[in-house]
């Protein structure tokens, strides 16, 4: 609404400021989440590139992540212990296409890992959720839980459910722990899972809470 054309009173003033604050704070939060996701993806990308092409990689061998974690910790780079570095590398390998959704300001940072991106294979396109949707609808904390799942079909299921159900990180963790995927029956029905994934890729509704009946299971 054009502020010059609206009827103003004190309550409208308070309401307008509150609405602007909430909407812009939400946008800022999403921007921070995207930046964190891209930071961690880039760390994984750089490590993957180094493992392929680092001129002194043989010097470190299996101790690469341990030595890298020590150096980054000394430099006060946050959340870069050995375990986290391994997860960033796995995140990059499981979600290589995120490179195509990066904001323009990150393109120069991405150029370093371009060769590594080309060498990472992709999964079945039939079962994949839009990488842009994953980046903009899920926080890195969501994606980190996905990274811990070894089964690609299971990841697709939880990605879809999480986006369509607008799950919090806590709810996603609870659903994984409750073996929701295994109980749904989709673990043995790839066609139904593919249909669910395509549906999840097409919807733009921010909050659609699913039930077993709604999933037609």
N, C-alpha and C. Protein backbone atom coordinates (compact mmCIF):
# COMPACT_ATOMS: atom_id res chain seq x y z
N UNK A 1 0.85 -1.19 0.00
CA UNK A 1 0.00 0.00 0.00
C UNK A 1 0.88 1.24 0.00
N UNK A 2 0.48 2.22 -0.82
CA UNK A 2 1.24 3.47 -0.89
C UNK A 2 1.03 4.27 0.39
N UNK A 3 2.09 4.57 1.17
CA UNK A 3 1.93 5.27 2.45
C UNK A 3 1.38 6.68 2.28
N UNK A 4 1.54 7.26 1.08
CA UNK A 4 1.06 8.62 0.86
C UNK A 4 -0.45 8.67 0.68
N UNK A 5 -1.04 7.53 0.34
CA UNK A 5 -2.47 7.52 0.04
C UNK A 5 -3.32 6.90 1.15
N UNK A 6 -2.70 6.36 2.19
CA UNK A 6 -3.49 5.71 3.23
C UNK A 6 -3.94 6.70 4.29
N UNK A 7 -5.00 6.33 4.98
CA UNK A 7 -5.51 7.18 6.06
C UNK A 7 -4.73 6.86 7.33
N UNK A 8 -4.09 7.89 7.89
CA UNK A 8 -3.21 7.67 9.02
C UNK A 8 -3.89 8.01 10.34
N UNK A 9 -3.68 7.16 11.34
CA UNK A 9 -3.96 7.48 12.73
C UNK A 9 -2.88 6.77 13.54
N UNK A 10 -2.89 6.96 14.83
CA UNK A 10 -1.80 6.42 15.64
C UNK A 10 -1.72 4.91 15.56
N UNK A 11 -2.88 4.22 15.59
CA UNK A 11 -2.88 2.77 15.52
C UNK A 11 -2.35 2.27 14.18
N UNK A 12 -2.70 2.99 13.09
CA UNK A 12 -2.15 2.63 11.78
C UNK A 12 -0.64 2.82 11.75
N UNK A 13 -0.17 3.87 12.41
CA UNK A 13 1.27 4.13 12.48
C UNK A 13 1.99 2.98 13.17
N UNK A 14 1.46 2.59 14.35
CA UNK A 14 2.06 1.49 15.09
C UNK A 14 2.02 0.20 14.27
N UNK A 15 0.85 -0.08 13.66
CA UNK A 15 0.70 -1.30 12.88
C UNK A 15 1.63 -1.34 11.68
N UNK A 16 1.77 -0.21 11.00
CA UNK A 16 2.64 -0.15 9.82
C UNK A 16 4.09 -0.39 10.17
N UNK A 17 4.53 0.24 11.26
CA UNK A 17 5.92 0.05 11.69
C UNK A 17 6.16 -1.39 12.10
N UNK A 18 5.20 -1.97 12.83
CA UNK A 18 5.35 -3.35 13.25
C UNK A 18 5.42 -4.29 12.05
N UNK A 19 4.54 -4.08 11.07
CA UNK A 19 4.53 -4.92 9.89
C UNK A 19 5.84 -4.81 9.11
N UNK A 20 6.32 -3.57 8.94
CA UNK A 20 7.58 -3.38 8.22
C UNK A 20 8.73 -4.04 8.95
N UNK A 21 8.75 -3.91 10.27
CA UNK A 21 9.81 -4.51 11.07
C UNK A 21 9.81 -6.03 10.93
N UNK A 22 8.61 -6.63 11.03
CA UNK A 22 8.53 -8.08 10.95
C UNK A 22 8.91 -8.60 9.58
N UNK A 23 8.42 -7.94 8.53
CA UNK A 23 8.69 -8.41 7.17
C UNK A 23 10.18 -8.27 6.82
N UNK A 24 10.76 -7.13 7.17
CA UNK A 24 12.16 -6.91 6.83
C UNK A 24 13.09 -7.73 7.71
N UNK A 25 12.69 -7.94 8.97
CA UNK A 25 13.49 -8.82 9.84
C UNK A 25 13.48 -10.25 9.29
N UNK A 26 12.31 -10.68 8.78
CA UNK A 26 12.22 -12.02 8.19
C UNK A 26 13.10 -12.12 6.96
N UNK A 27 13.10 -11.07 6.13
CA UNK A 27 13.95 -11.06 4.94
C UNK A 27 15.42 -11.11 5.33
N UNK A 28 15.78 -10.35 6.38
CA UNK A 28 17.17 -10.34 6.84
C UNK A 28 17.55 -11.73 7.36
N UNK A 29 16.63 -12.36 8.09
CA UNK A 29 16.90 -13.70 8.60
C UNK A 29 17.12 -14.70 7.48
N UNK A 30 16.28 -14.61 6.44
CA UNK A 30 16.45 -15.51 5.30
C UNK A 30 17.78 -15.26 4.61
N UNK A 31 18.17 -13.99 4.50
CA UNK A 31 19.44 -13.66 3.85
C UNK A 31 20.61 -14.23 4.65
N UNK A 32 20.52 -14.14 5.98
CA UNK A 32 21.59 -14.69 6.83
C UNK A 32 21.65 -16.20 6.67
N UNK A 33 20.49 -16.86 6.65
CA UNK A 33 20.45 -18.31 6.48
C UNK A 33 21.07 -18.74 5.16
N UNK A 34 20.72 -18.01 4.09
CA UNK A 34 21.26 -18.33 2.77
C UNK A 34 22.78 -18.15 2.76
N UNK A 35 23.24 -17.06 3.37
CA UNK A 35 24.68 -16.80 3.41
C UNK A 35 25.41 -17.89 4.18
N UNK A 36 24.83 -18.34 5.29
CA UNK A 36 25.46 -19.41 6.07
C UNK A 36 25.50 -20.71 5.28
N UNK A 37 24.39 -21.02 4.61
CA UNK A 37 24.36 -22.23 3.78
C UNK A 37 25.42 -22.17 2.70
N UNK A 38 25.53 -21.02 2.02
CA UNK A 38 26.50 -20.89 0.95
C UNK A 38 27.93 -20.92 1.49
N UNK A 39 28.15 -20.31 2.66
CA UNK A 39 29.49 -20.35 3.26
C UNK A 39 29.92 -21.79 3.49
N UNK A 40 29.04 -22.59 4.08
CA UNK A 40 29.38 -23.97 4.40
C UNK A 40 29.53 -24.81 3.14
N UNK A 41 28.69 -24.52 2.13
CA UNK A 41 28.81 -25.21 0.85
C UNK A 41 30.15 -24.89 0.20
N UNK A 42 30.53 -23.61 0.26
CA UNK A 42 31.81 -23.20 -0.35
C UNK A 42 33.00 -23.83 0.35
N UNK A 43 32.94 -23.92 1.68
CA UNK A 43 34.02 -24.58 2.41
C UNK A 43 34.17 -26.02 1.92
N UNK A 44 33.04 -26.71 1.80
CA UNK A 44 33.08 -28.08 1.28
C UNK A 44 33.60 -28.14 -0.14
N UNK A 45 33.19 -27.18 -0.95
CA UNK A 45 33.63 -27.12 -2.34
C UNK A 45 35.14 -26.93 -2.43
N UNK A 46 35.67 -26.01 -1.63
CA UNK A 46 37.11 -25.74 -1.65
C UNK A 46 37.91 -26.96 -1.19
N UNK A 47 37.39 -27.65 -0.17
CA UNK A 47 38.08 -28.85 0.30
C UNK A 47 38.07 -29.92 -0.80
N UNK A 48 36.91 -30.08 -1.45
CA UNK A 48 36.82 -31.05 -2.54
C UNK A 48 37.77 -30.72 -3.67
N UNK A 49 37.88 -29.45 -4.01
CA UNK A 49 38.79 -29.03 -5.08
C UNK A 49 40.24 -29.28 -4.68
N UNK A 50 40.56 -28.98 -3.42
CA UNK A 50 41.93 -29.20 -2.95
C UNK A 50 42.29 -30.68 -2.98
N UNK A 51 41.35 -31.53 -2.58
CA UNK A 51 41.63 -32.97 -2.59
C UNK A 51 41.91 -33.48 -4.00
N UNK A 52 41.32 -32.82 -4.99
CA UNK A 52 41.55 -33.23 -6.38
C UNK A 52 42.80 -32.62 -6.97
N UNK A 53 43.06 -31.35 -6.65
CA UNK A 53 44.10 -30.62 -7.38
C UNK A 53 45.15 -29.93 -6.51
N UNK A 54 45.07 -30.09 -5.18
CA UNK A 54 46.05 -29.41 -4.33
C UNK A 54 47.47 -29.87 -4.61
N UNK A 55 48.37 -28.93 -4.85
CA UNK A 55 49.74 -29.29 -5.21
C UNK A 55 50.48 -29.98 -4.06
N UNK A 56 50.09 -29.69 -2.81
CA UNK A 56 50.75 -30.31 -1.66
C UNK A 56 49.81 -31.22 -0.88
N UNK A 57 48.77 -31.71 -1.53
CA UNK A 57 47.77 -32.52 -0.82
C UNK A 57 48.36 -33.81 -0.24
N UNK A 58 49.38 -34.37 -0.89
CA UNK A 58 50.00 -35.60 -0.40
C UNK A 58 50.67 -35.38 0.95
N UNK A 59 51.06 -34.15 1.25
CA UNK A 59 51.70 -33.85 2.53
C UNK A 59 50.76 -34.09 3.70
N UNK A 60 49.49 -33.85 3.47
CA UNK A 60 48.51 -33.95 4.56
C UNK A 60 47.75 -35.27 4.55
N UNK A 61 47.46 -35.79 3.37
CA UNK A 61 46.80 -37.09 3.27
C UNK A 61 45.55 -37.18 4.12
N UNK A 62 45.46 -38.23 4.95
CA UNK A 62 44.29 -38.45 5.79
C UNK A 62 44.18 -37.45 6.92
N UNK A 63 45.23 -36.68 7.16
CA UNK A 63 45.21 -35.69 8.23
C UNK A 63 44.76 -34.31 7.77
N UNK A 64 44.30 -34.22 6.52
CA UNK A 64 43.95 -32.92 5.96
C UNK A 64 42.92 -32.19 6.82
N UNK A 65 41.81 -32.83 7.13
CA UNK A 65 40.75 -32.14 7.86
C UNK A 65 41.19 -31.78 9.28
N UNK A 66 42.00 -32.63 9.90
CA UNK A 66 42.51 -32.33 11.24
C UNK A 66 43.40 -31.10 11.22
N UNK A 67 44.33 -31.04 10.27
CA UNK A 67 45.23 -29.91 10.18
C UNK A 67 44.49 -28.64 9.76
N UNK A 68 43.54 -28.79 8.86
CA UNK A 68 42.77 -27.64 8.41
C UNK A 68 41.93 -27.08 9.55
N UNK A 69 41.34 -27.96 10.34
CA UNK A 69 40.53 -27.51 11.47
C UNK A 69 41.38 -26.73 12.48
N UNK A 70 42.59 -27.22 12.73
CA UNK A 70 43.48 -26.51 13.66
C UNK A 70 43.81 -25.11 13.15
N UNK A 71 44.14 -25.01 11.87
CA UNK A 71 44.51 -23.71 11.31
C UNK A 71 43.34 -22.74 11.32
N UNK A 72 42.17 -23.21 10.92
CA UNK A 72 40.99 -22.35 10.87
C UNK A 72 40.54 -21.92 12.26
N UNK A 73 40.68 -22.83 13.23
CA UNK A 73 40.35 -22.48 14.62
C UNK A 73 41.27 -21.40 15.13
N UNK A 74 42.55 -21.50 14.82
CA UNK A 74 43.52 -20.48 15.21
C UNK A 74 43.17 -19.12 14.60
N UNK A 75 42.58 -19.15 13.40
CA UNK A 75 42.21 -17.93 12.70
C UNK A 75 40.81 -17.43 13.11
N UNK A 76 40.21 -18.11 14.09
CA UNK A 76 38.90 -17.72 14.61
C UNK A 76 37.78 -17.86 13.58
N UNK A 77 37.93 -18.80 12.65
CA UNK A 77 36.87 -19.10 11.71
C UNK A 77 35.88 -20.03 12.42
N UNK A 78 34.64 -19.61 12.56
CA UNK A 78 33.69 -20.32 13.41
C UNK A 78 33.23 -21.64 12.82
N UNK A 79 32.90 -22.56 13.72
CA UNK A 79 32.30 -23.85 13.36
C UNK A 79 33.09 -24.59 12.29
N UNK A 80 34.38 -24.73 12.51
CA UNK A 80 35.23 -25.42 11.54
C UNK A 80 36.09 -26.48 12.22
N UNK A 81 35.48 -27.21 13.16
CA UNK A 81 36.22 -28.34 13.71
C UNK A 81 36.24 -29.46 12.67
N UNK A 82 36.97 -30.52 12.96
CA UNK A 82 37.15 -31.58 11.96
C UNK A 82 35.81 -32.19 11.54
N UNK A 83 34.94 -32.42 12.51
CA UNK A 83 33.65 -33.04 12.21
C UNK A 83 32.81 -32.15 11.30
N UNK A 84 32.82 -30.85 11.58
CA UNK A 84 32.05 -29.93 10.76
C UNK A 84 32.63 -29.82 9.35
N UNK A 85 33.93 -29.81 9.24
CA UNK A 85 34.55 -29.75 7.91
C UNK A 85 34.15 -30.96 7.08
N UNK A 86 34.11 -32.12 7.71
CA UNK A 86 33.69 -33.33 7.00
C UNK A 86 32.24 -33.18 6.53
N UNK A 87 31.39 -32.61 7.37
CA UNK A 87 29.98 -32.45 7.01
C UNK A 87 29.82 -31.42 5.90
N UNK A 88 30.64 -30.38 5.90
CA UNK A 88 30.58 -29.41 4.80
C UNK A 88 30.97 -30.06 3.48
N UNK A 89 32.00 -30.91 3.53
CA UNK A 89 32.43 -31.61 2.32
C UNK A 89 31.33 -32.55 1.83
N UNK A 90 30.71 -33.24 2.74
CA UNK A 90 29.61 -34.14 2.38
C UNK A 90 28.41 -33.35 1.85
N UNK A 91 28.13 -32.22 2.47
CA UNK A 91 27.04 -31.34 2.02
C UNK A 91 27.27 -30.91 0.58
N UNK A 92 28.47 -30.49 0.28
CA UNK A 92 28.83 -30.09 -1.08
C UNK A 92 28.66 -31.24 -2.06
N UNK A 93 29.09 -32.42 -1.67
CA UNK A 93 29.01 -33.57 -2.58
C UNK A 93 27.57 -34.04 -2.79
N UNK A 94 26.73 -33.89 -1.79
CA UNK A 94 25.34 -34.32 -1.91
C UNK A 94 24.47 -33.29 -2.62
N UNK A 95 24.87 -32.02 -2.56
CA UNK A 95 24.07 -30.95 -3.15
C UNK A 95 24.92 -30.07 -4.08
N UNK A 96 25.55 -30.65 -5.09
CA UNK A 96 26.44 -29.86 -5.95
C UNK A 96 25.72 -28.78 -6.74
N UNK A 97 24.42 -28.99 -7.05
CA UNK A 97 23.70 -28.05 -7.92
C UNK A 97 23.40 -26.72 -7.24
N UNK A 98 23.60 -26.63 -5.93
CA UNK A 98 23.35 -25.36 -5.24
C UNK A 98 24.19 -24.24 -5.84
N UNK A 99 25.27 -24.60 -6.48
CA UNK A 99 26.12 -23.59 -7.12
C UNK A 99 25.33 -22.72 -8.08
N UNK A 100 24.32 -23.30 -8.73
CA UNK A 100 23.54 -22.55 -9.71
C UNK A 100 22.56 -21.58 -9.10
N UNK A 101 22.35 -21.64 -7.77
CA UNK A 101 21.39 -20.77 -7.11
C UNK A 101 22.06 -19.66 -6.32
N UNK A 102 23.37 -19.58 -6.40
CA UNK A 102 24.11 -18.61 -5.59
C UNK A 102 23.78 -17.17 -5.99
N UNK A 103 23.67 -16.27 -5.02
CA UNK A 103 23.45 -14.86 -5.32
C UNK A 103 24.62 -14.30 -6.13
N UNK A 104 24.38 -13.26 -6.94
CA UNK A 104 25.43 -12.71 -7.80
C UNK A 104 26.71 -12.32 -7.07
N UNK A 105 26.58 -11.84 -5.83
CA UNK A 105 27.76 -11.38 -5.10
C UNK A 105 28.71 -12.51 -4.72
N UNK A 106 28.24 -13.77 -4.86
CA UNK A 106 29.09 -14.90 -4.50
C UNK A 106 29.76 -15.54 -5.72
N UNK A 107 29.47 -15.04 -6.91
CA UNK A 107 29.99 -15.67 -8.12
C UNK A 107 31.52 -15.70 -8.14
N UNK A 108 32.16 -14.63 -7.65
CA UNK A 108 33.63 -14.61 -7.66
C UNK A 108 34.20 -15.65 -6.71
N UNK A 109 33.52 -15.89 -5.58
CA UNK A 109 33.98 -16.91 -4.65
C UNK A 109 33.80 -18.30 -5.24
N UNK A 110 32.76 -18.48 -6.05
CA UNK A 110 32.47 -19.78 -6.63
C UNK A 110 33.44 -20.15 -7.73
N UNK A 111 34.04 -19.17 -8.38
CA UNK A 111 34.89 -19.46 -9.53
C UNK A 111 36.05 -20.37 -9.16
N UNK A 112 36.50 -20.29 -7.91
CA UNK A 112 37.63 -21.12 -7.48
C UNK A 112 37.30 -22.59 -7.53
N UNK A 113 36.04 -22.93 -7.21
CA UNK A 113 35.67 -24.33 -7.15
C UNK A 113 34.95 -24.84 -8.36
N UNK A 114 35.01 -24.11 -9.46
CA UNK A 114 34.24 -24.48 -10.65
C UNK A 114 34.60 -25.87 -11.15
N UNK A 115 35.89 -26.21 -11.16
CA UNK A 115 36.29 -27.53 -11.67
C UNK A 115 35.75 -28.64 -10.80
N UNK A 116 35.75 -28.42 -9.48
CA UNK A 116 35.24 -29.45 -8.57
C UNK A 116 33.77 -29.69 -8.80
N UNK A 117 33.02 -28.62 -9.06
CA UNK A 117 31.59 -28.75 -9.29
C UNK A 117 31.32 -29.65 -10.48
N UNK A 118 32.11 -29.48 -11.55
CA UNK A 118 31.89 -30.24 -12.76
C UNK A 118 32.17 -31.73 -12.57
N UNK A 119 32.98 -32.07 -11.56
CA UNK A 119 33.38 -33.46 -11.37
C UNK A 119 32.49 -34.20 -10.39
N UNK A 120 31.52 -33.51 -9.80
CA UNK A 120 30.62 -34.14 -8.85
C UNK A 120 29.39 -34.60 -9.58
N UNK A 121 29.05 -35.88 -9.45
CA UNK A 121 27.87 -36.41 -10.11
C UNK A 121 26.59 -35.95 -9.45
N UNK A 122 25.46 -36.11 -10.15
CA UNK A 122 24.17 -35.75 -9.59
C UNK A 122 23.29 -36.98 -9.53
N UNK A 123 22.28 -36.93 -8.68
CA UNK A 123 21.37 -38.05 -8.52
C UNK A 123 20.29 -38.02 -9.58
N UNK A 124 19.28 -38.85 -9.39
CA UNK A 124 18.17 -38.92 -10.33
C UNK A 124 17.40 -37.62 -10.35
N UNK A 125 17.32 -36.98 -11.51
CA UNK A 125 16.59 -35.72 -11.62
C UNK A 125 15.12 -35.91 -11.33
N UNK A 126 14.62 -37.10 -11.56
CA UNK A 126 13.21 -37.37 -11.33
C UNK A 126 12.84 -37.18 -9.86
N UNK A 127 13.79 -37.44 -8.99
CA UNK A 127 13.49 -37.39 -7.56
C UNK A 127 14.03 -36.14 -6.88
N UNK A 128 14.60 -35.23 -7.63
CA UNK A 128 15.24 -34.09 -6.99
C UNK A 128 14.28 -32.93 -6.78
N UNK A 129 14.45 -32.26 -5.63
CA UNK A 129 13.75 -31.03 -5.34
C UNK A 129 14.57 -29.88 -5.92
N UNK A 130 13.89 -28.84 -6.37
CA UNK A 130 14.58 -27.66 -6.88
C UNK A 130 15.62 -27.17 -5.88
N UNK A 131 16.87 -27.01 -6.34
CA UNK A 131 17.93 -26.55 -5.45
C UNK A 131 17.67 -25.12 -4.98
N UNK A 132 17.03 -24.32 -5.82
CA UNK A 132 16.68 -22.96 -5.41
C UNK A 132 15.69 -23.01 -4.25
N UNK A 133 14.74 -23.93 -4.32
CA UNK A 133 13.76 -24.08 -3.24
C UNK A 133 14.44 -24.56 -1.96
N UNK A 134 15.37 -25.50 -2.08
CA UNK A 134 16.09 -25.97 -0.90
C UNK A 134 16.86 -24.83 -0.24
N UNK A 135 17.51 -24.02 -1.06
CA UNK A 135 18.33 -22.93 -0.52
C UNK A 135 17.49 -21.87 0.17
N UNK A 136 16.33 -21.56 -0.41
CA UNK A 136 15.52 -20.46 0.10
C UNK A 136 14.48 -20.89 1.13
N UNK A 137 14.18 -22.18 1.21
CA UNK A 137 13.14 -22.62 2.13
C UNK A 137 13.67 -23.40 3.34
N UNK A 138 14.90 -23.90 3.23
CA UNK A 138 15.48 -24.65 4.33
C UNK A 138 16.73 -23.96 4.84
N UNK A 139 16.89 -23.92 6.15
CA UNK A 139 18.10 -23.37 6.73
C UNK A 139 19.23 -24.40 6.64
N UNK A 140 20.45 -23.96 6.92
CA UNK A 140 21.54 -24.93 6.91
C UNK A 140 21.34 -25.99 7.98
N UNK A 141 20.73 -25.61 9.10
CA UNK A 141 20.48 -26.59 10.16
C UNK A 141 19.56 -27.71 9.67
N UNK A 142 18.58 -27.35 8.83
CA UNK A 142 17.74 -28.39 8.20
C UNK A 142 18.60 -29.28 7.30
N UNK A 143 19.38 -28.64 6.45
CA UNK A 143 20.16 -29.38 5.46
C UNK A 143 21.21 -30.26 6.12
N UNK A 144 21.73 -29.82 7.26
CA UNK A 144 22.73 -30.62 7.95
C UNK A 144 22.13 -31.93 8.43
N UNK A 145 20.85 -31.90 8.84
CA UNK A 145 20.18 -33.14 9.22
C UNK A 145 20.00 -34.05 8.00
N UNK A 146 19.74 -33.44 6.84
CA UNK A 146 19.62 -34.23 5.61
C UNK A 146 20.95 -34.89 5.25
N UNK A 147 22.04 -34.16 5.47
CA UNK A 147 23.37 -34.66 5.14
C UNK A 147 23.69 -35.94 5.91
N UNK A 148 23.13 -36.06 7.10
CA UNK A 148 23.39 -37.24 7.92
C UNK A 148 22.66 -38.49 7.42
N UNK A 149 21.75 -38.32 6.45
CA UNK A 149 20.99 -39.46 5.92
C UNK A 149 21.74 -40.05 4.74
N UNK A 150 21.99 -41.35 4.78
CA UNK A 150 22.75 -42.00 3.71
C UNK A 150 21.90 -42.33 2.49
N UNK A 151 20.60 -42.50 2.67
CA UNK A 151 19.71 -42.91 1.59
C UNK A 151 19.20 -41.69 0.83
N UNK A 152 19.48 -41.63 -0.49
CA UNK A 152 19.07 -40.48 -1.30
C UNK A 152 17.55 -40.33 -1.36
N UNK A 153 16.83 -41.46 -1.43
CA UNK A 153 15.37 -41.41 -1.46
C UNK A 153 14.81 -40.87 -0.15
N UNK A 154 15.43 -41.25 0.93
CA UNK A 154 15.00 -40.76 2.24
C UNK A 154 15.22 -39.24 2.33
N UNK A 155 16.35 -38.78 1.83
CA UNK A 155 16.61 -37.33 1.84
C UNK A 155 15.55 -36.60 1.04
N UNK A 156 15.22 -37.12 -0.14
CA UNK A 156 14.19 -36.48 -0.97
C UNK A 156 12.86 -36.42 -0.24
N UNK A 157 12.50 -37.50 0.43
CA UNK A 157 11.25 -37.55 1.18
C UNK A 157 11.21 -36.45 2.25
N UNK A 158 12.27 -36.37 3.05
CA UNK A 158 12.27 -35.39 4.14
C UNK A 158 12.42 -33.96 3.62
N UNK A 159 13.14 -33.76 2.53
CA UNK A 159 13.19 -32.43 1.92
C UNK A 159 11.79 -31.97 1.53
N UNK A 160 11.07 -32.86 0.86
CA UNK A 160 9.72 -32.54 0.39
C UNK A 160 8.78 -32.27 1.55
N UNK A 161 8.77 -33.17 2.51
CA UNK A 161 7.89 -33.03 3.67
C UNK A 161 8.22 -31.77 4.46
N UNK A 162 9.50 -31.50 4.61
CA UNK A 162 9.93 -30.35 5.40
C UNK A 162 9.49 -29.04 4.75
N UNK A 163 9.62 -28.96 3.43
CA UNK A 163 9.22 -27.74 2.73
C UNK A 163 7.70 -27.59 2.74
N UNK A 164 7.00 -28.65 2.41
CA UNK A 164 5.54 -28.57 2.33
C UNK A 164 4.90 -28.41 3.70
N UNK A 165 5.50 -28.99 4.72
CA UNK A 165 4.96 -28.88 6.06
C UNK A 165 5.50 -27.71 6.85
N UNK A 166 6.48 -26.99 6.25
CA UNK A 166 7.10 -25.85 6.93
C UNK A 166 7.63 -26.25 8.30
N UNK A 167 8.33 -27.40 8.35
CA UNK A 167 8.82 -27.92 9.61
C UNK A 167 9.96 -27.09 10.17
N UNK A 168 9.99 -26.97 11.46
CA UNK A 168 11.15 -26.41 12.16
C UNK A 168 12.26 -27.46 12.16
N UNK A 169 13.46 -27.04 12.54
CA UNK A 169 14.57 -28.00 12.64
C UNK A 169 14.24 -29.06 13.69
N UNK A 170 13.67 -28.63 14.78
CA UNK A 170 13.31 -29.56 15.85
C UNK A 170 12.29 -30.58 15.37
N UNK A 171 11.29 -30.11 14.59
CA UNK A 171 10.28 -31.04 14.08
C UNK A 171 10.88 -32.01 13.07
N UNK A 172 11.77 -31.53 12.21
CA UNK A 172 12.43 -32.41 11.25
C UNK A 172 13.21 -33.50 11.99
N UNK A 173 13.94 -33.11 13.01
CA UNK A 173 14.71 -34.08 13.78
C UNK A 173 13.79 -35.10 14.43
N UNK A 174 12.65 -34.64 14.93
CA UNK A 174 11.70 -35.55 15.57
C UNK A 174 11.12 -36.54 14.56
N UNK A 175 10.79 -36.04 13.37
CA UNK A 175 10.20 -36.91 12.34
C UNK A 175 11.20 -37.95 11.87
N UNK A 176 12.45 -37.56 11.71
CA UNK A 176 13.48 -38.52 11.31
C UNK A 176 13.64 -39.58 12.39
N UNK A 177 13.67 -39.13 13.65
CA UNK A 177 13.83 -40.05 14.77
C UNK A 177 12.65 -41.00 14.92
N UNK A 178 11.47 -40.57 14.48
CA UNK A 178 10.28 -41.41 14.60
C UNK A 178 10.14 -42.39 13.43
N UNK A 179 11.14 -42.36 12.51
CA UNK A 179 11.14 -43.25 11.33
C UNK A 179 9.91 -43.01 10.45
N UNK A 180 9.56 -41.75 10.28
CA UNK A 180 8.38 -41.40 9.50
C UNK A 180 8.49 -41.93 8.06
N UNK A 181 9.66 -41.81 7.48
CA UNK A 181 9.88 -42.28 6.11
C UNK A 181 9.62 -43.78 6.00
N UNK A 182 10.21 -44.54 6.91
CA UNK A 182 10.04 -45.99 6.87
C UNK A 182 8.57 -46.37 7.09
N UNK A 183 7.90 -45.67 7.99
CA UNK A 183 6.51 -45.98 8.29
C UNK A 183 5.56 -45.56 7.16
N UNK A 184 5.99 -44.61 6.34
CA UNK A 184 5.11 -44.11 5.28
C UNK A 184 4.91 -45.12 4.16
N UNK A 185 5.84 -46.04 4.01
CA UNK A 185 5.74 -47.02 2.92
C UNK A 185 6.40 -46.55 1.64
N UNK A 186 6.83 -45.29 1.58
CA UNK A 186 7.44 -44.78 0.35
C UNK A 186 8.85 -45.31 0.14
N UNK A 187 9.43 -45.89 1.19
CA UNK A 187 10.79 -46.41 1.05
C UNK A 187 10.86 -47.53 0.02
N UNK A 188 9.72 -48.15 -0.30
CA UNK A 188 9.70 -49.23 -1.29
C UNK A 188 8.88 -48.86 -2.52
N UNK A 189 8.45 -47.61 -2.62
CA UNK A 189 7.61 -47.17 -3.74
C UNK A 189 8.23 -45.92 -4.37
N UNK A 190 9.18 -46.13 -5.28
CA UNK A 190 9.91 -45.01 -5.86
C UNK A 190 9.01 -44.13 -6.73
N UNK A 191 8.02 -44.72 -7.40
CA UNK A 191 7.15 -43.92 -8.26
C UNK A 191 6.33 -42.94 -7.44
N UNK A 192 5.80 -43.43 -6.31
CA UNK A 192 5.00 -42.54 -5.46
C UNK A 192 5.88 -41.46 -4.86
N UNK A 193 7.11 -41.82 -4.49
CA UNK A 193 8.04 -40.84 -3.94
C UNK A 193 8.41 -39.79 -4.98
N UNK A 194 8.60 -40.23 -6.24
CA UNK A 194 8.92 -39.29 -7.31
C UNK A 194 7.77 -38.30 -7.51
N UNK A 195 6.53 -38.80 -7.45
CA UNK A 195 5.36 -37.93 -7.59
C UNK A 195 5.30 -36.93 -6.45
N UNK A 196 5.61 -37.38 -5.24
CA UNK A 196 5.62 -36.50 -4.09
C UNK A 196 6.69 -35.43 -4.22
N UNK A 197 7.86 -35.83 -4.72
CA UNK A 197 8.95 -34.87 -4.90
C UNK A 197 8.60 -33.81 -5.94
N UNK A 198 7.97 -34.25 -7.03
CA UNK A 198 7.56 -33.28 -8.05
C UNK A 198 6.52 -32.33 -7.50
N UNK A 199 5.61 -32.85 -6.71
CA UNK A 199 4.60 -31.98 -6.09
C UNK A 199 5.24 -30.98 -5.17
N UNK A 200 6.24 -31.42 -4.41
CA UNK A 200 6.94 -30.51 -3.50
C UNK A 200 7.71 -29.45 -4.26
N UNK A 201 8.20 -29.80 -5.45
CA UNK A 201 8.96 -28.83 -6.23
C UNK A 201 8.05 -27.76 -6.82
N UNK A 202 6.79 -28.10 -7.03
CA UNK A 202 5.90 -27.17 -7.71
C UNK A 202 5.16 -26.23 -6.78
N UNK A 203 4.97 -26.64 -5.53
CA UNK A 203 4.18 -25.81 -4.64
C UNK A 203 4.98 -24.62 -4.12
N UNK A 204 4.31 -23.51 -3.95
CA UNK A 204 4.94 -22.32 -3.39
C UNK A 204 4.28 -21.90 -2.10
N UNK A 205 3.34 -22.71 -1.61
CA UNK A 205 2.66 -22.37 -0.37
C UNK A 205 3.63 -22.51 0.79
N UNK A 206 3.75 -21.50 1.66
CA UNK A 206 4.72 -21.56 2.75
C UNK A 206 4.35 -22.53 3.85
N UNK A 207 3.02 -22.80 4.04
CA UNK A 207 2.61 -23.67 5.12
C UNK A 207 1.52 -24.62 4.65
N UNK A 208 1.89 -25.87 4.38
CA UNK A 208 0.91 -26.90 4.05
C UNK A 208 1.20 -28.08 4.95
N UNK A 209 0.39 -28.27 5.97
CA UNK A 209 0.64 -29.33 6.93
C UNK A 209 0.03 -30.62 6.42
N UNK A 210 0.87 -31.62 6.22
CA UNK A 210 0.44 -32.86 5.60
C UNK A 210 -0.04 -33.88 6.62
N UNK A 211 -0.97 -34.69 6.20
CA UNK A 211 -1.40 -35.84 6.97
C UNK A 211 -1.22 -37.07 6.10
N UNK A 212 -1.32 -38.22 6.68
CA UNK A 212 -1.20 -39.44 5.87
C UNK A 212 -2.30 -39.50 4.84
N UNK A 213 -3.50 -39.03 5.19
CA UNK A 213 -4.59 -39.02 4.23
C UNK A 213 -4.30 -38.05 3.10
N UNK A 214 -3.75 -36.87 3.46
CA UNK A 214 -3.45 -35.87 2.45
C UNK A 214 -2.39 -36.32 1.48
N UNK A 215 -1.48 -37.20 1.95
CA UNK A 215 -0.43 -37.72 1.09
C UNK A 215 -0.94 -38.86 0.23
N UNK A 216 -2.15 -39.28 0.46
CA UNK A 216 -2.73 -40.40 -0.29
C UNK A 216 -1.90 -41.66 -0.14
N UNK A 217 -1.46 -41.93 1.10
CA UNK A 217 -0.64 -43.11 1.36
C UNK A 217 -1.51 -44.27 1.81
